[in-house]
N, C-alpha and C. Protein backbone atom coordinates (compact mmCIF):
# COMPACT_ATOMS: atom_id res chain seq x y z
N UNK A 1 10.33 95.81 -147.31
CA UNK A 1 9.08 96.43 -147.35
C UNK A 1 9.47 98.45 -148.16
N UNK A 2 8.36 98.28 -148.84
CA UNK A 2 8.26 99.74 -149.20
C UNK A 2 7.37 100.84 -148.62
N UNK A 3 7.78 101.94 -148.33
CA UNK A 3 7.18 102.94 -147.46
C UNK A 3 7.22 104.30 -148.11
N UNK A 4 6.22 104.95 -149.01
CA UNK A 4 6.38 106.43 -149.34
C UNK A 4 5.36 106.94 -148.22
N UNK A 5 5.99 108.05 -148.17
CA UNK A 5 5.73 109.15 -146.76
C UNK A 5 4.85 110.19 -147.80
N UNK A 6 3.64 110.95 -147.94
CA UNK A 6 3.46 112.09 -148.77
C UNK A 6 3.38 113.22 -147.74
N UNK A 7 4.14 114.05 -147.19
CA UNK A 7 4.52 115.37 -146.34
C UNK A 7 4.98 116.54 -146.57
N UNK A 8 4.49 117.54 -146.28
CA UNK A 8 4.97 118.72 -146.20
C UNK A 8 6.12 118.98 -145.62
N UNK A 9 6.74 118.22 -144.69
CA UNK A 9 8.02 118.66 -143.99
C UNK A 9 9.01 117.22 -144.36
N UNK A 10 9.25 117.10 -144.85
CA UNK A 10 10.04 115.54 -145.01
C UNK A 10 11.30 115.57 -144.28
N UNK A 11 11.66 116.70 -143.73
CA UNK A 11 13.39 117.12 -143.22
C UNK A 11 12.54 116.56 -141.38
N UNK A 12 10.92 116.55 -141.14
CA UNK A 12 10.56 116.29 -140.02
C UNK A 12 11.45 114.69 -139.43
N UNK A 13 11.25 113.60 -140.87
CA UNK A 13 11.81 112.21 -140.41
C UNK A 13 12.90 111.72 -140.48
N UNK A 14 13.79 112.89 -140.00
CA UNK A 14 15.65 112.52 -140.16
C UNK A 14 15.81 111.41 -138.76
N UNK A 15 14.94 111.53 -137.57
CA UNK A 15 15.14 110.81 -136.61
C UNK A 15 15.27 109.40 -136.58
N UNK A 16 14.57 108.84 -138.35
CA UNK A 16 14.41 107.52 -138.57
C UNK A 16 15.87 107.19 -139.32
N UNK A 17 16.48 107.96 -139.38
CA UNK A 17 17.57 107.56 -139.67
C UNK A 17 18.60 106.95 -138.86
N UNK A 18 18.13 107.21 -137.29
CA UNK A 18 19.30 106.67 -136.44
C UNK A 18 18.43 105.28 -135.79
N UNK A 19 19.67 104.78 -134.96
CA UNK A 19 19.04 103.35 -134.37
C UNK A 19 19.12 102.30 -135.20
N UNK A 20 17.80 101.16 -134.52
CA UNK A 20 17.42 100.64 -135.70
C UNK A 20 16.90 100.37 -136.64
N UNK A 21 15.83 101.71 -137.49
CA UNK A 21 15.25 101.72 -137.95
C UNK A 21 16.15 102.24 -139.18
N UNK A 22 17.18 103.27 -138.72
CA UNK A 22 17.92 103.55 -139.84
C UNK A 22 18.97 102.38 -140.07
N UNK A 23 19.30 101.48 -139.25
CA UNK A 23 20.05 100.52 -140.16
C UNK A 23 19.38 99.67 -140.94
N UNK A 24 18.01 99.37 -140.38
CA UNK A 24 17.06 98.67 -141.34
C UNK A 24 17.05 99.30 -142.60
N UNK A 25 17.18 100.55 -143.39
CA UNK A 25 17.04 101.38 -143.86
C UNK A 25 18.37 101.05 -144.73
N UNK A 26 19.49 100.99 -144.30
CA UNK A 26 20.75 101.20 -145.25
C UNK A 26 21.00 99.56 -145.59
N UNK A 27 20.05 98.84 -145.23
CA UNK A 27 20.21 97.34 -145.31
C UNK A 27 19.41 97.20 -146.04
N UNK A 28 18.70 98.27 -146.61
CA UNK A 28 17.65 98.18 -147.83
C UNK A 28 16.15 97.01 -147.43
N UNK A 29 16.55 96.87 -145.65
CA UNK A 29 15.35 96.09 -145.43
C UNK A 29 13.84 96.78 -145.35
N UNK A 30 13.90 97.97 -145.45
CA UNK A 30 12.96 98.99 -145.60
C UNK A 30 13.39 99.82 -146.37
N UNK A 31 12.64 100.09 -147.71
CA UNK A 31 12.44 101.45 -148.63
C UNK A 31 11.90 102.56 -148.30
N UNK A 32 12.44 103.59 -147.78
CA UNK A 32 11.87 105.07 -147.33
C UNK A 32 12.16 106.06 -148.36
N UNK A 33 10.72 106.21 -148.79
CA UNK A 33 10.76 107.29 -149.90
C UNK A 33 9.55 108.43 -148.94
N UNK A 34 10.55 109.55 -148.88
CA UNK A 34 9.65 110.85 -148.52
C UNK A 34 9.02 111.61 -150.02
N UNK A 35 8.03 112.06 -149.57
CA UNK A 35 7.39 112.47 -150.84
C UNK A 35 6.75 114.07 -150.48
N UNK A 36 7.25 115.22 -150.78
CA UNK A 36 7.20 116.93 -150.20
C UNK A 36 5.82 116.76 -151.16
N UNK A 37 4.91 117.27 -150.54
CA UNK A 37 3.17 117.62 -151.57
C UNK A 37 3.84 119.44 -152.06
N UNK A 38 4.72 119.91 -151.74
CA UNK A 38 4.77 121.59 -152.11
C UNK A 38 5.67 121.07 -153.57
N UNK A 39 5.82 119.69 -153.50
CA UNK A 39 6.84 119.89 -154.93
C UNK A 39 5.32 119.89 -156.41
N UNK A 40 4.19 119.52 -156.06
CA UNK A 40 3.03 119.48 -156.78
C UNK A 40 2.57 120.85 -156.55
N UNK A 41 2.09 121.76 -156.04
CA UNK A 41 1.48 123.00 -156.18
C UNK A 41 2.08 123.68 -157.45
N UNK A 42 0.98 124.17 -157.86
CA UNK A 42 0.94 125.09 -158.91
C UNK A 42 1.44 126.46 -158.90
N UNK A 43 1.36 126.95 -157.65
CA UNK A 43 1.44 128.33 -157.01
C UNK A 43 2.92 128.49 -157.40
N UNK A 44 3.36 129.31 -157.90
CA UNK A 44 4.79 129.98 -157.86
C UNK A 44 5.82 129.78 -156.43
N UNK A 45 4.82 130.64 -155.47
CA UNK A 45 5.06 130.09 -154.13
C UNK A 45 4.97 128.91 -153.63
N UNK A 46 4.92 127.96 -154.10
CA UNK A 46 5.03 126.87 -154.00
C UNK A 46 3.66 126.37 -152.24
N UNK A 47 2.68 127.56 -152.61
CA UNK A 47 1.55 127.32 -151.61
C UNK A 47 0.59 126.20 -151.71
N UNK A 48 0.28 125.03 -150.59
CA UNK A 48 -0.47 124.14 -150.81
C UNK A 48 -1.60 124.13 -150.23
N UNK A 49 -1.94 125.23 -149.55
CA UNK A 49 -3.12 125.00 -148.53
C UNK A 49 -3.77 126.68 -148.79
N UNK A 50 -5.26 127.05 -148.37
CA UNK A 50 -6.03 127.88 -148.59
C UNK A 50 -7.25 127.92 -147.12
N UNK A 51 -8.29 128.66 -147.62
CA UNK A 51 -9.01 129.37 -146.65
C UNK A 51 -9.94 128.11 -146.45
N UNK A 52 -10.81 127.52 -145.35
CA UNK A 52 -12.03 126.85 -145.33
C UNK A 52 -12.72 127.74 -146.16
N UNK A 53 -13.76 126.61 -147.08
CA UNK A 53 -15.17 127.31 -147.57
C UNK A 53 -15.96 127.18 -146.34
N UNK A 54 -17.01 128.55 -145.93
CA UNK A 54 -17.92 128.64 -144.90
C UNK A 54 -17.10 129.24 -143.97
N UNK A 55 -15.35 129.41 -143.82
CA UNK A 55 -15.11 129.90 -142.80
C UNK A 55 -14.79 129.30 -141.74
N UNK A 56 -14.18 130.06 -140.94
CA UNK A 56 -13.24 128.96 -139.84
C UNK A 56 -11.88 129.43 -139.54
N UNK A 57 -11.23 129.40 -138.34
CA UNK A 57 -9.73 129.32 -138.08
C UNK A 57 -8.90 128.40 -139.02
N UNK A 58 -7.80 128.97 -139.18
CA UNK A 58 -6.69 128.08 -140.11
C UNK A 58 -6.75 128.01 -141.23
N UNK A 59 -6.36 127.02 -141.84
CA UNK A 59 -5.87 126.64 -143.28
C UNK A 59 -6.10 125.25 -144.12
N UNK A 60 -6.37 124.88 -145.19
CA UNK A 60 -6.84 123.38 -145.15
C UNK A 60 -5.76 123.06 -146.51
N UNK A 61 -5.49 122.18 -146.76
CA UNK A 61 -4.69 121.47 -148.09
C UNK A 61 -5.28 121.41 -148.85
N UNK A 62 -4.71 121.56 -150.13
CA UNK A 62 -5.81 121.56 -151.30
C UNK A 62 -6.03 120.30 -151.97
N UNK A 63 -7.01 119.59 -152.31
CA UNK A 63 -7.22 118.31 -152.70
C UNK A 63 -6.36 118.18 -153.76
N UNK A 64 -5.96 119.02 -154.66
CA UNK A 64 -5.28 118.83 -155.85
C UNK A 64 -3.99 118.51 -156.08
N UNK A 65 -3.33 119.13 -154.98
CA UNK A 65 -2.05 118.72 -154.19
C UNK A 65 -1.71 117.60 -153.75
N UNK A 66 -2.79 117.33 -152.80
CA UNK A 66 -2.51 115.77 -152.52
C UNK A 66 -2.72 114.71 -153.21
N UNK A 67 -3.41 114.92 -154.72
CA UNK A 67 -3.97 114.29 -155.62
C UNK A 67 -3.12 113.89 -156.18
N UNK A 68 -2.42 114.89 -156.79
CA UNK A 68 -1.14 114.54 -158.11
C UNK A 68 0.12 113.95 -157.29
N UNK A 69 0.50 114.17 -156.01
CA UNK A 69 1.19 114.33 -154.81
C UNK A 69 1.42 112.15 -154.80
N UNK A 70 0.12 111.88 -154.74
CA UNK A 70 -0.31 110.29 -154.76
C UNK A 70 -0.16 109.54 -155.83
N UNK A 71 -1.00 110.28 -157.22
CA UNK A 71 -0.42 109.90 -158.21
C UNK A 71 1.01 110.16 -159.36
N UNK A 72 1.80 110.19 -158.44
CA UNK A 72 3.02 110.51 -158.87
C UNK A 72 4.01 109.05 -158.40
N UNK A 73 3.35 108.35 -157.34
CA UNK A 73 4.01 107.08 -156.72
C UNK A 73 3.69 105.78 -157.88
N UNK A 74 4.45 104.91 -157.74
CA UNK A 74 4.25 103.92 -158.51
C UNK A 74 3.04 102.82 -157.38
N UNK A 75 1.59 103.36 -157.63
CA UNK A 75 0.61 102.18 -157.47
C UNK A 75 0.50 100.98 -157.42
N UNK A 76 0.86 99.94 -156.86
CA UNK A 76 0.12 98.54 -157.10
C UNK A 76 -1.05 97.80 -156.68
N UNK A 77 -1.58 97.07 -156.95
CA UNK A 77 -2.57 96.54 -156.63
C UNK A 77 -2.72 96.06 -154.60
N UNK A 78 -1.66 95.47 -154.72
CA UNK A 78 -0.83 95.40 -153.22
C UNK A 78 -0.82 96.71 -152.65
N UNK A 79 -0.94 97.72 -152.67
CA UNK A 79 -0.35 99.06 -152.10
C UNK A 79 -1.46 99.59 -150.83
N UNK A 80 -1.11 100.16 -150.01
CA UNK A 80 -1.97 100.31 -149.07
C UNK A 80 -2.18 101.84 -148.50
N UNK A 81 -2.84 102.45 -148.79
CA UNK A 81 -2.95 104.10 -148.49
C UNK A 81 -3.46 104.50 -146.87
N UNK A 82 -2.95 104.68 -146.06
CA UNK A 82 -3.24 105.17 -144.63
C UNK A 82 -2.66 107.01 -144.54
N UNK A 83 -3.98 107.13 -143.99
CA UNK A 83 -4.36 108.73 -143.59
C UNK A 83 -3.90 108.70 -142.48
N UNK A 84 -3.07 109.11 -141.67
CA UNK A 84 -2.81 109.57 -140.06
C UNK A 84 -3.79 110.97 -139.76
N UNK A 85 -4.76 110.36 -139.16
CA UNK A 85 -5.88 111.24 -138.65
C UNK A 85 -6.49 110.64 -137.11
N UNK A 86 -6.45 111.85 -136.50
CA UNK A 86 -7.22 111.66 -135.21
C UNK A 86 -8.56 111.04 -134.96
N UNK A 87 -9.15 110.99 -136.39
CA UNK A 87 -10.61 110.59 -136.55
C UNK A 87 -10.59 108.67 -137.03
N UNK A 88 -8.93 108.52 -136.86
CA UNK A 88 -8.85 107.06 -137.68
C UNK A 88 -9.39 106.23 -136.39
N UNK A 89 -9.06 104.98 -136.58
CA UNK A 89 -9.13 103.81 -135.49
C UNK A 89 -7.79 103.87 -134.81
N UNK A 90 -7.65 103.51 -133.82
CA UNK A 90 -6.60 103.58 -132.84
C UNK A 90 -5.44 102.45 -133.18
N UNK A 91 -4.37 102.98 -133.33
CA UNK A 91 -3.33 102.06 -133.52
C UNK A 91 -3.35 101.22 -132.35
N UNK A 92 -3.10 100.08 -133.00
CA UNK A 92 -2.95 98.33 -131.47
C UNK A 92 -1.72 97.35 -131.93
N UNK A 93 -1.40 96.81 -131.33
CA UNK A 93 -0.32 95.77 -131.77
C UNK A 93 -0.87 94.85 -132.65
N UNK A 94 -2.25 94.56 -132.30
CA UNK A 94 -2.29 93.68 -133.64
C UNK A 94 -2.57 94.21 -134.87
N UNK A 95 -2.74 95.40 -135.10
CA UNK A 95 -2.76 96.43 -136.56
C UNK A 95 -1.22 96.60 -136.67
N UNK A 96 -0.80 96.70 -135.94
CA UNK A 96 0.66 96.93 -136.14
C UNK A 96 1.21 95.52 -136.46
N UNK A 97 1.23 94.50 -136.10
CA UNK A 97 1.66 93.41 -136.54
C UNK A 97 0.88 93.02 -138.11
N UNK A 98 0.15 93.13 -138.45
CA UNK A 98 -0.63 93.23 -139.65
C UNK A 98 -0.49 94.11 -140.61
N UNK A 99 -0.07 95.15 -140.23
CA UNK A 99 0.98 96.14 -141.38
C UNK A 99 1.77 95.70 -141.88
N UNK A 100 3.07 95.16 -140.83
CA UNK A 100 3.93 94.64 -141.21
C UNK A 100 4.01 93.52 -142.70
N UNK A 101 2.85 93.06 -142.40
CA UNK A 101 2.95 92.00 -143.40
C UNK A 101 2.78 92.72 -144.80
N UNK A 102 2.39 93.69 -144.83
CA UNK A 102 1.83 94.65 -146.63
C UNK A 102 3.16 94.60 -146.90
N UNK A 103 3.25 94.79 -148.26
CA UNK A 103 4.12 94.91 -149.04
C UNK A 103 4.64 96.62 -149.43
N UNK A 104 3.72 97.37 -149.49
CA UNK A 104 3.74 98.57 -149.98
C UNK A 104 3.15 99.75 -149.07
N UNK A 105 3.35 100.27 -148.56
CA UNK A 105 2.41 101.21 -147.30
C UNK A 105 2.43 102.87 -147.78
N UNK A 106 1.95 103.26 -148.18
CA UNK A 106 1.77 104.79 -148.31
C UNK A 106 1.17 105.66 -147.24
N UNK A 107 1.97 106.51 -146.88
CA UNK A 107 0.92 107.59 -145.68
C UNK A 107 1.27 108.65 -146.00
N UNK A 108 0.01 109.16 -145.62
CA UNK A 108 -0.20 110.59 -146.16
C UNK A 108 -0.73 111.61 -144.80
N UNK A 109 -0.10 112.38 -144.77
CA UNK A 109 0.19 113.45 -143.57
C UNK A 109 -0.60 114.70 -143.78
N UNK A 110 -1.67 114.84 -143.04
CA UNK A 110 -1.84 116.23 -142.98
C UNK A 110 -1.23 117.10 -142.06
N UNK A 111 -1.69 118.26 -142.14
CA UNK A 111 -1.48 119.49 -141.20
C UNK A 111 -2.06 120.44 -141.29
N UNK A 112 -2.02 121.28 -140.70
CA UNK A 112 -2.85 122.76 -140.62
C UNK A 112 -4.23 122.52 -140.07
N UNK A 113 -5.84 123.06 -140.17
CA UNK A 113 -6.76 122.23 -140.29
C UNK A 113 -7.03 121.03 -140.85
N UNK A 114 -6.30 120.11 -141.67
CA UNK A 114 -6.39 119.28 -142.14
C UNK A 114 -6.60 118.73 -144.21
N UNK A 115 -6.86 117.85 -144.69
CA UNK A 115 -7.06 117.91 -146.41
C UNK A 115 -8.46 118.04 -146.57
N UNK A 116 -8.65 118.96 -147.66
CA UNK A 116 -9.79 118.52 -148.39
C UNK A 116 -10.47 117.35 -148.44
N UNK A 117 -12.01 117.17 -147.83
CA UNK A 117 -12.53 116.10 -147.97
C UNK A 117 -12.66 115.53 -149.60
N UNK A 118 -12.72 116.16 -150.36
CA UNK A 118 -13.07 115.54 -151.52
C UNK A 118 -12.01 114.75 -152.06
N UNK A 119 -10.87 114.67 -151.59
CA UNK A 119 -9.91 113.86 -152.03
C UNK A 119 -9.43 112.71 -150.83
N UNK A 120 -10.22 113.04 -149.86
CA UNK A 120 -9.87 111.71 -149.07
C UNK A 120 -10.92 110.92 -149.28
N UNK A 121 -12.39 111.74 -149.44
CA UNK A 121 -13.18 110.41 -150.33
C UNK A 121 -12.93 109.88 -151.43
N UNK A 122 -12.39 110.43 -152.55
CA UNK A 122 -11.71 109.69 -153.94
C UNK A 122 -10.42 108.79 -153.45
N UNK A 123 -9.67 109.16 -152.73
CA UNK A 123 -8.75 108.03 -152.53
C UNK A 123 -8.87 106.77 -151.57
N UNK A 124 -10.06 107.29 -150.46
CA UNK A 124 -10.43 106.17 -149.55
C UNK A 124 -9.70 105.70 -148.93
N UNK A 125 -8.44 106.27 -147.77
CA UNK A 125 -7.33 105.76 -147.45
C UNK A 125 -8.14 105.44 -145.94
N UNK A 126 -7.47 103.63 -145.41
CA UNK A 126 -7.39 103.77 -144.32
C UNK A 126 -6.91 104.67 -143.05
N UNK A 127 -7.90 105.23 -142.20
CA UNK A 127 -7.52 106.25 -141.13
C UNK A 127 -7.30 105.71 -140.01
N UNK A 128 -5.77 106.02 -139.92
CA UNK A 128 -5.58 105.46 -138.07
C UNK A 128 -4.64 106.43 -137.41
N UNK A 129 -5.29 106.78 -136.06
CA UNK A 129 -4.85 107.32 -134.82
C UNK A 129 -4.02 106.92 -134.05
N UNK A 130 -3.65 107.62 -133.85
CA UNK A 130 -2.03 106.90 -132.22
C UNK A 130 -2.48 107.50 -131.16
N UNK A 131 -3.93 107.81 -130.90
CA UNK A 131 -4.43 108.55 -129.71
C UNK A 131 -5.60 109.62 -129.58
N UNK A 132 -5.81 109.53 -128.54
CA UNK A 132 -7.20 110.54 -128.35
C UNK A 132 -6.48 112.08 -128.00
N UNK A 133 -6.01 112.56 -129.03
CA UNK A 133 -5.39 113.80 -128.90
C UNK A 133 -5.10 114.23 -130.16
N UNK A 134 -4.78 115.75 -130.49
CA UNK A 134 -4.89 116.11 -132.10
C UNK A 134 -3.00 116.72 -131.54
N UNK A 135 -2.77 116.86 -132.69
CA UNK A 135 -1.25 117.13 -132.79
C UNK A 135 -1.37 117.82 -134.08
N UNK A 136 -0.21 118.51 -134.18
CA UNK A 136 -0.03 119.78 -135.62
C UNK A 136 -0.28 119.36 -136.68
N UNK A 137 -0.01 117.78 -136.84
CA UNK A 137 0.73 117.49 -138.18
C UNK A 137 0.23 115.55 -138.23
N UNK A 138 0.39 115.42 -139.25
CA UNK A 138 0.34 113.69 -139.82
C UNK A 138 2.03 113.19 -139.39
N UNK A 139 3.03 113.93 -139.25
CA UNK A 139 4.26 113.57 -139.44
C UNK A 139 4.82 112.42 -138.45
N UNK A 140 4.65 113.36 -137.15
CA UNK A 140 5.02 112.56 -135.94
C UNK A 140 4.14 111.09 -135.75
N UNK A 141 2.40 111.18 -135.45
CA UNK A 141 1.74 109.86 -136.10
C UNK A 141 2.48 108.90 -137.20
N UNK A 142 3.12 109.13 -138.16
CA UNK A 142 3.64 108.55 -139.12
C UNK A 142 5.29 108.20 -138.59
N UNK A 143 5.58 108.42 -138.38
CA UNK A 143 6.87 108.50 -137.61
C UNK A 143 6.92 107.07 -136.50
N UNK A 144 5.85 107.35 -135.88
CA UNK A 144 5.47 106.27 -134.56
C UNK A 144 5.00 105.04 -135.76
N UNK A 145 3.98 105.11 -136.33
CA UNK A 145 3.58 104.14 -137.07
C UNK A 145 4.82 103.53 -137.95
N UNK A 146 5.61 104.48 -138.52
CA UNK A 146 7.07 103.30 -138.94
C UNK A 146 7.50 102.42 -137.75
N UNK A 147 8.01 103.32 -137.35
CA UNK A 147 9.27 102.97 -136.28
C UNK A 147 8.29 101.09 -135.56
N UNK A 148 7.13 101.62 -135.09
CA UNK A 148 6.39 99.86 -134.85
C UNK A 148 5.96 99.00 -135.79
N UNK A 149 5.62 99.23 -136.58
CA UNK A 149 5.52 98.17 -137.68
C UNK A 149 7.17 97.46 -138.27
N UNK A 150 8.33 98.76 -138.52
CA UNK A 150 9.37 98.31 -138.77
C UNK A 150 9.97 97.32 -138.26
N UNK A 151 9.81 97.08 -136.90
CA UNK A 151 10.23 95.98 -136.21
C UNK A 151 9.68 94.73 -136.00
N UNK A 152 8.82 94.37 -136.77
CA UNK A 152 7.90 93.11 -136.80
C UNK A 152 8.47 92.83 -138.37
N UNK A 153 9.18 93.46 -139.35
CA UNK A 153 9.45 93.05 -140.65
C UNK A 153 10.97 92.19 -140.44
N UNK A 154 10.85 91.01 -141.06
CA UNK A 154 11.74 90.11 -141.18
C UNK A 154 13.54 90.94 -141.40
N UNK A 155 14.14 90.59 -140.12
CA UNK A 155 15.81 90.99 -140.26
C UNK A 155 15.73 92.12 -139.41
N UNK A 156 14.85 93.21 -139.43
CA UNK A 156 15.18 94.23 -138.02
C UNK A 156 15.52 93.66 -137.04
N UNK A 157 14.82 92.53 -135.86
CA UNK A 157 14.93 92.68 -134.73
C UNK A 157 14.95 91.01 -135.12
N UNK A 158 15.61 90.45 -133.79
CA UNK A 158 15.70 89.15 -133.30
C UNK A 158 14.48 88.57 -132.99
N UNK A 159 13.42 87.60 -133.51
CA UNK A 159 12.82 87.10 -133.16
C UNK A 159 12.35 86.61 -131.88
N UNK A 160 13.32 86.78 -130.69
CA UNK A 160 13.49 86.82 -129.80
C UNK A 160 12.72 87.90 -128.95
N UNK A 161 13.54 88.96 -129.52
CA UNK A 161 13.28 90.37 -128.59
C UNK A 161 11.81 90.46 -129.15
N UNK A 162 11.32 90.15 -130.70
CA UNK A 162 9.63 90.48 -130.54
C UNK A 162 8.82 89.81 -129.67
N UNK A 163 9.33 88.47 -129.31
CA UNK A 163 8.56 87.73 -128.42
C UNK A 163 8.39 88.03 -127.20
N UNK A 164 9.65 88.85 -126.98
CA UNK A 164 9.33 88.67 -125.34
C UNK A 164 8.92 90.54 -124.71
N UNK A 165 8.46 91.20 -126.33
CA UNK A 165 8.51 92.71 -125.44
C UNK A 165 6.90 92.69 -125.40
N UNK A 166 6.88 93.72 -124.35
CA UNK A 166 5.17 94.28 -124.16
C UNK A 166 4.34 93.90 -125.01
N UNK A 167 3.06 93.47 -124.72
CA UNK A 167 2.25 93.28 -125.89
C UNK A 167 2.29 92.58 -126.83
N UNK A 168 3.22 91.92 -126.65
CA UNK A 168 3.67 90.59 -127.41
C UNK A 168 3.10 89.34 -127.48
N UNK A 169 2.35 89.26 -125.83
CA UNK A 169 1.48 87.78 -125.49
C UNK A 169 0.22 88.60 -124.91
N UNK A 170 0.13 90.04 -125.13
CA UNK A 170 -1.35 90.58 -124.68
C UNK A 170 -0.69 90.89 -123.10
N UNK A 171 0.02 90.95 -122.46
CA UNK A 171 0.97 91.60 -121.70
C UNK A 171 2.23 92.47 -121.67
N UNK A 172 2.44 93.32 -120.58
CA UNK A 172 3.38 94.26 -120.23
C UNK A 172 4.61 93.19 -119.85
N UNK A 173 5.83 93.97 -120.19
CA UNK A 173 6.87 93.22 -120.34
C UNK A 173 7.31 93.34 -118.70
N UNK A 174 7.69 91.84 -118.65
CA UNK A 174 8.83 91.89 -117.19
C UNK A 174 9.87 92.48 -117.25
N UNK A 175 10.19 93.22 -115.91
CA UNK A 175 11.53 93.97 -115.41
C UNK A 175 12.23 93.79 -115.84
N UNK A 176 13.87 94.57 -116.36
CA UNK A 176 14.92 94.03 -116.96
C UNK A 176 15.97 94.17 -115.89
N UNK A 177 16.86 93.75 -115.81
CA UNK A 177 18.50 94.44 -114.91
C UNK A 177 19.24 93.93 -115.67
N UNK A 178 20.35 94.79 -115.59
CA UNK A 178 21.56 94.24 -115.92
C UNK A 178 22.88 94.80 -115.35
N UNK A 179 24.02 94.79 -114.97
CA UNK A 179 25.17 95.37 -113.72
C UNK A 179 25.10 96.70 -114.06
N UNK A 180 25.38 97.14 -112.65
CA UNK A 180 25.94 95.92 -111.50
C UNK A 180 25.50 95.54 -110.74
N UNK A 181 25.54 94.03 -110.11
CA UNK A 181 24.45 93.14 -109.49
C UNK A 181 24.17 94.20 -108.20
N UNK A 182 24.79 94.94 -107.81
CA UNK A 182 24.38 95.93 -106.93
C UNK A 182 24.24 97.19 -106.93
N UNK A 183 23.05 97.96 -106.64
CA UNK A 183 23.20 98.97 -106.84
C UNK A 183 22.37 100.07 -106.34
N UNK A 184 22.66 101.12 -105.42
CA UNK A 184 22.20 101.70 -104.48
C UNK A 184 21.36 100.83 -103.47
N UNK A 185 21.87 99.81 -102.84
CA UNK A 185 21.72 98.74 -102.10
C UNK A 185 20.59 97.95 -102.49
N UNK A 186 20.29 97.64 -103.74
CA UNK A 186 18.98 97.39 -104.49
C UNK A 186 20.15 95.86 -105.01
N UNK A 187 19.84 94.93 -105.21
CA UNK A 187 20.24 93.33 -105.59
C UNK A 187 19.29 93.36 -106.61
N UNK A 188 20.00 92.38 -107.50
CA UNK A 188 19.25 92.03 -108.91
C UNK A 188 18.53 90.69 -108.38
N UNK A 189 17.20 90.37 -108.79
CA UNK A 189 16.91 89.09 -107.83
C UNK A 189 17.98 87.96 -108.18
N UNK A 190 17.61 87.62 -107.21
CA UNK A 190 18.40 86.09 -107.29
C UNK A 190 18.00 84.82 -108.27
N UNK A 191 16.97 84.86 -108.91
CA UNK A 191 16.88 83.96 -109.66
C UNK A 191 17.23 84.35 -111.27
N UNK A 192 17.45 85.38 -111.24
CA UNK A 192 18.23 85.97 -112.17
C UNK A 192 19.44 85.53 -112.49
N UNK A 193 20.24 85.57 -111.63
CA UNK A 193 21.70 85.20 -111.79
C UNK A 193 21.82 83.61 -111.13
N UNK A 194 20.88 82.79 -111.35
CA UNK A 194 20.75 81.23 -110.71
C UNK A 194 21.35 80.52 -112.11
N UNK A 195 20.95 81.01 -112.66
CA UNK A 195 21.20 80.34 -114.34
C UNK A 195 20.54 79.26 -114.79
N UNK A 196 19.32 79.06 -113.58
CA UNK A 196 18.17 78.07 -114.13
C UNK A 196 17.12 78.82 -115.07
N UNK A 197 17.46 78.23 -116.29
CA UNK A 197 16.65 78.88 -117.40
C UNK A 197 14.97 78.56 -117.26
N UNK A 198 14.68 77.59 -116.59
CA UNK A 198 13.16 77.23 -116.32
C UNK A 198 12.26 77.84 -115.16
N UNK A 199 13.15 78.15 -114.21
CA UNK A 199 12.89 78.93 -112.67
C UNK A 199 13.12 80.95 -113.43
N UNK A 200 13.76 80.81 -114.45
CA UNK A 200 14.16 82.43 -114.61
C UNK A 200 12.53 82.81 -115.33
N UNK A 201 12.01 81.84 -116.40
CA UNK A 201 11.43 81.93 -117.55
C UNK A 201 9.72 82.25 -116.88
N UNK A 202 9.82 81.55 -115.85
CA UNK A 202 8.36 80.85 -114.65
C UNK A 202 8.18 82.40 -114.15
N UNK A 203 9.56 83.04 -113.24
CA UNK A 203 9.52 84.42 -112.88
C UNK A 203 9.64 85.51 -113.91
N UNK A 204 9.91 85.23 -115.16
CA UNK A 204 9.34 86.39 -115.83
C UNK A 204 8.30 86.57 -116.45
N UNK A 205 7.45 85.31 -116.42
CA UNK A 205 5.72 85.27 -116.42
C UNK A 205 5.10 85.90 -115.63
N UNK A 206 5.39 85.33 -114.31
CA UNK A 206 4.71 85.73 -112.92
C UNK A 206 4.83 87.68 -112.85
N UNK A 207 5.91 88.04 -113.38
CA UNK A 207 6.53 89.35 -113.52
C UNK A 207 5.60 90.29 -113.95
N UNK A 208 5.34 89.78 -115.59
CA UNK A 208 4.39 90.11 -116.70
C UNK A 208 3.39 90.25 -116.52
N UNK A 209 3.00 89.41 -115.70
CA UNK A 209 1.00 89.00 -114.92
C UNK A 209 1.09 90.12 -114.31
N UNK A 210 2.32 90.24 -113.10
CA UNK A 210 2.06 91.49 -112.04
C UNK A 210 1.62 92.60 -112.21
N UNK A 211 2.72 92.97 -113.18
CA UNK A 211 2.90 94.20 -113.65
C UNK A 211 1.76 94.71 -114.22
N UNK A 212 0.97 93.60 -115.40
CA UNK A 212 0.14 94.04 -116.43
C UNK A 212 -1.13 93.95 -115.49
N UNK A 213 -1.43 93.44 -114.17
CA UNK A 213 -2.36 93.43 -113.64
C UNK A 213 -2.40 94.87 -112.62
N UNK A 214 -1.09 95.37 -111.98
CA UNK A 214 -0.81 96.73 -111.86
C UNK A 214 -1.08 97.86 -112.56
N UNK A 215 -0.17 97.97 -113.77
CA UNK A 215 -0.60 98.84 -114.32
C UNK A 215 -1.73 99.23 -115.70
N UNK A 216 -1.89 97.88 -115.95
CA UNK A 216 -3.01 97.54 -117.07
C UNK A 216 -3.84 96.59 -117.25
N UNK A 217 -4.74 96.79 -115.72
CA UNK A 217 -5.36 95.21 -115.87
C UNK A 217 -6.66 95.31 -117.05
N UNK A 218 -6.75 96.06 -117.77
CA UNK A 218 -7.52 96.09 -118.94
C UNK A 218 -6.93 95.16 -119.61
N UNK A 219 -5.78 94.87 -119.99
CA UNK A 219 -5.38 94.21 -121.12
C UNK A 219 -5.38 92.61 -120.09
N UNK A 220 -5.59 92.41 -119.26
CA UNK A 220 -5.63 91.01 -118.61
C UNK A 220 -7.52 90.50 -119.08
N UNK A 221 -8.00 91.36 -119.05
CA UNK A 221 -9.53 91.13 -119.01
C UNK A 221 -9.74 91.03 -120.44
N UNK A 222 -9.28 91.55 -121.51
CA UNK A 222 -9.17 91.10 -122.71
C UNK A 222 -8.79 89.46 -122.76
């Protein structure tokens, strides 16, 4: 998958070079390109924002900067533009899986008081939010989206890992245990060391339902 990110702060994306996502980038399963929108400023000081018409606090990113940055990309018919915005639809596991099937994602990160509405109207991106709260910019939401989507791209994780994690079957994940077998007088459940795979599978399913009912009963209702 090709992922282009339009941002004012490309250095914020360094955490994606680590762990599973970093390995996927190294193996070229994911081609991640960071486009600094400041490079498209016509101002000698690389200024990309201006005061809002009508007054008000903060600054607004200029439409020409965003437009030129977008058009610098190799846009294809199947390219999908996403604007990370608190006004967008909330990102869900179903949406994550859907996006993982795309060939080319373009993520637009706003900042300050947002982006001039005219370029949003022209480019007509899909708007996605990661929750009902406001952040200082779209960079963190973009990283959340990249991390969640990348995990469902073939070759990034094993199929077993994907199928057994939280939300994969509309349930939260069952509890996990590892060595030592006894820790602070708490023992690993006997069924997990029994070697009986059918009983382990049944126990994990029961635990997943119980945990979901306790922590997220809304998921069971769905």
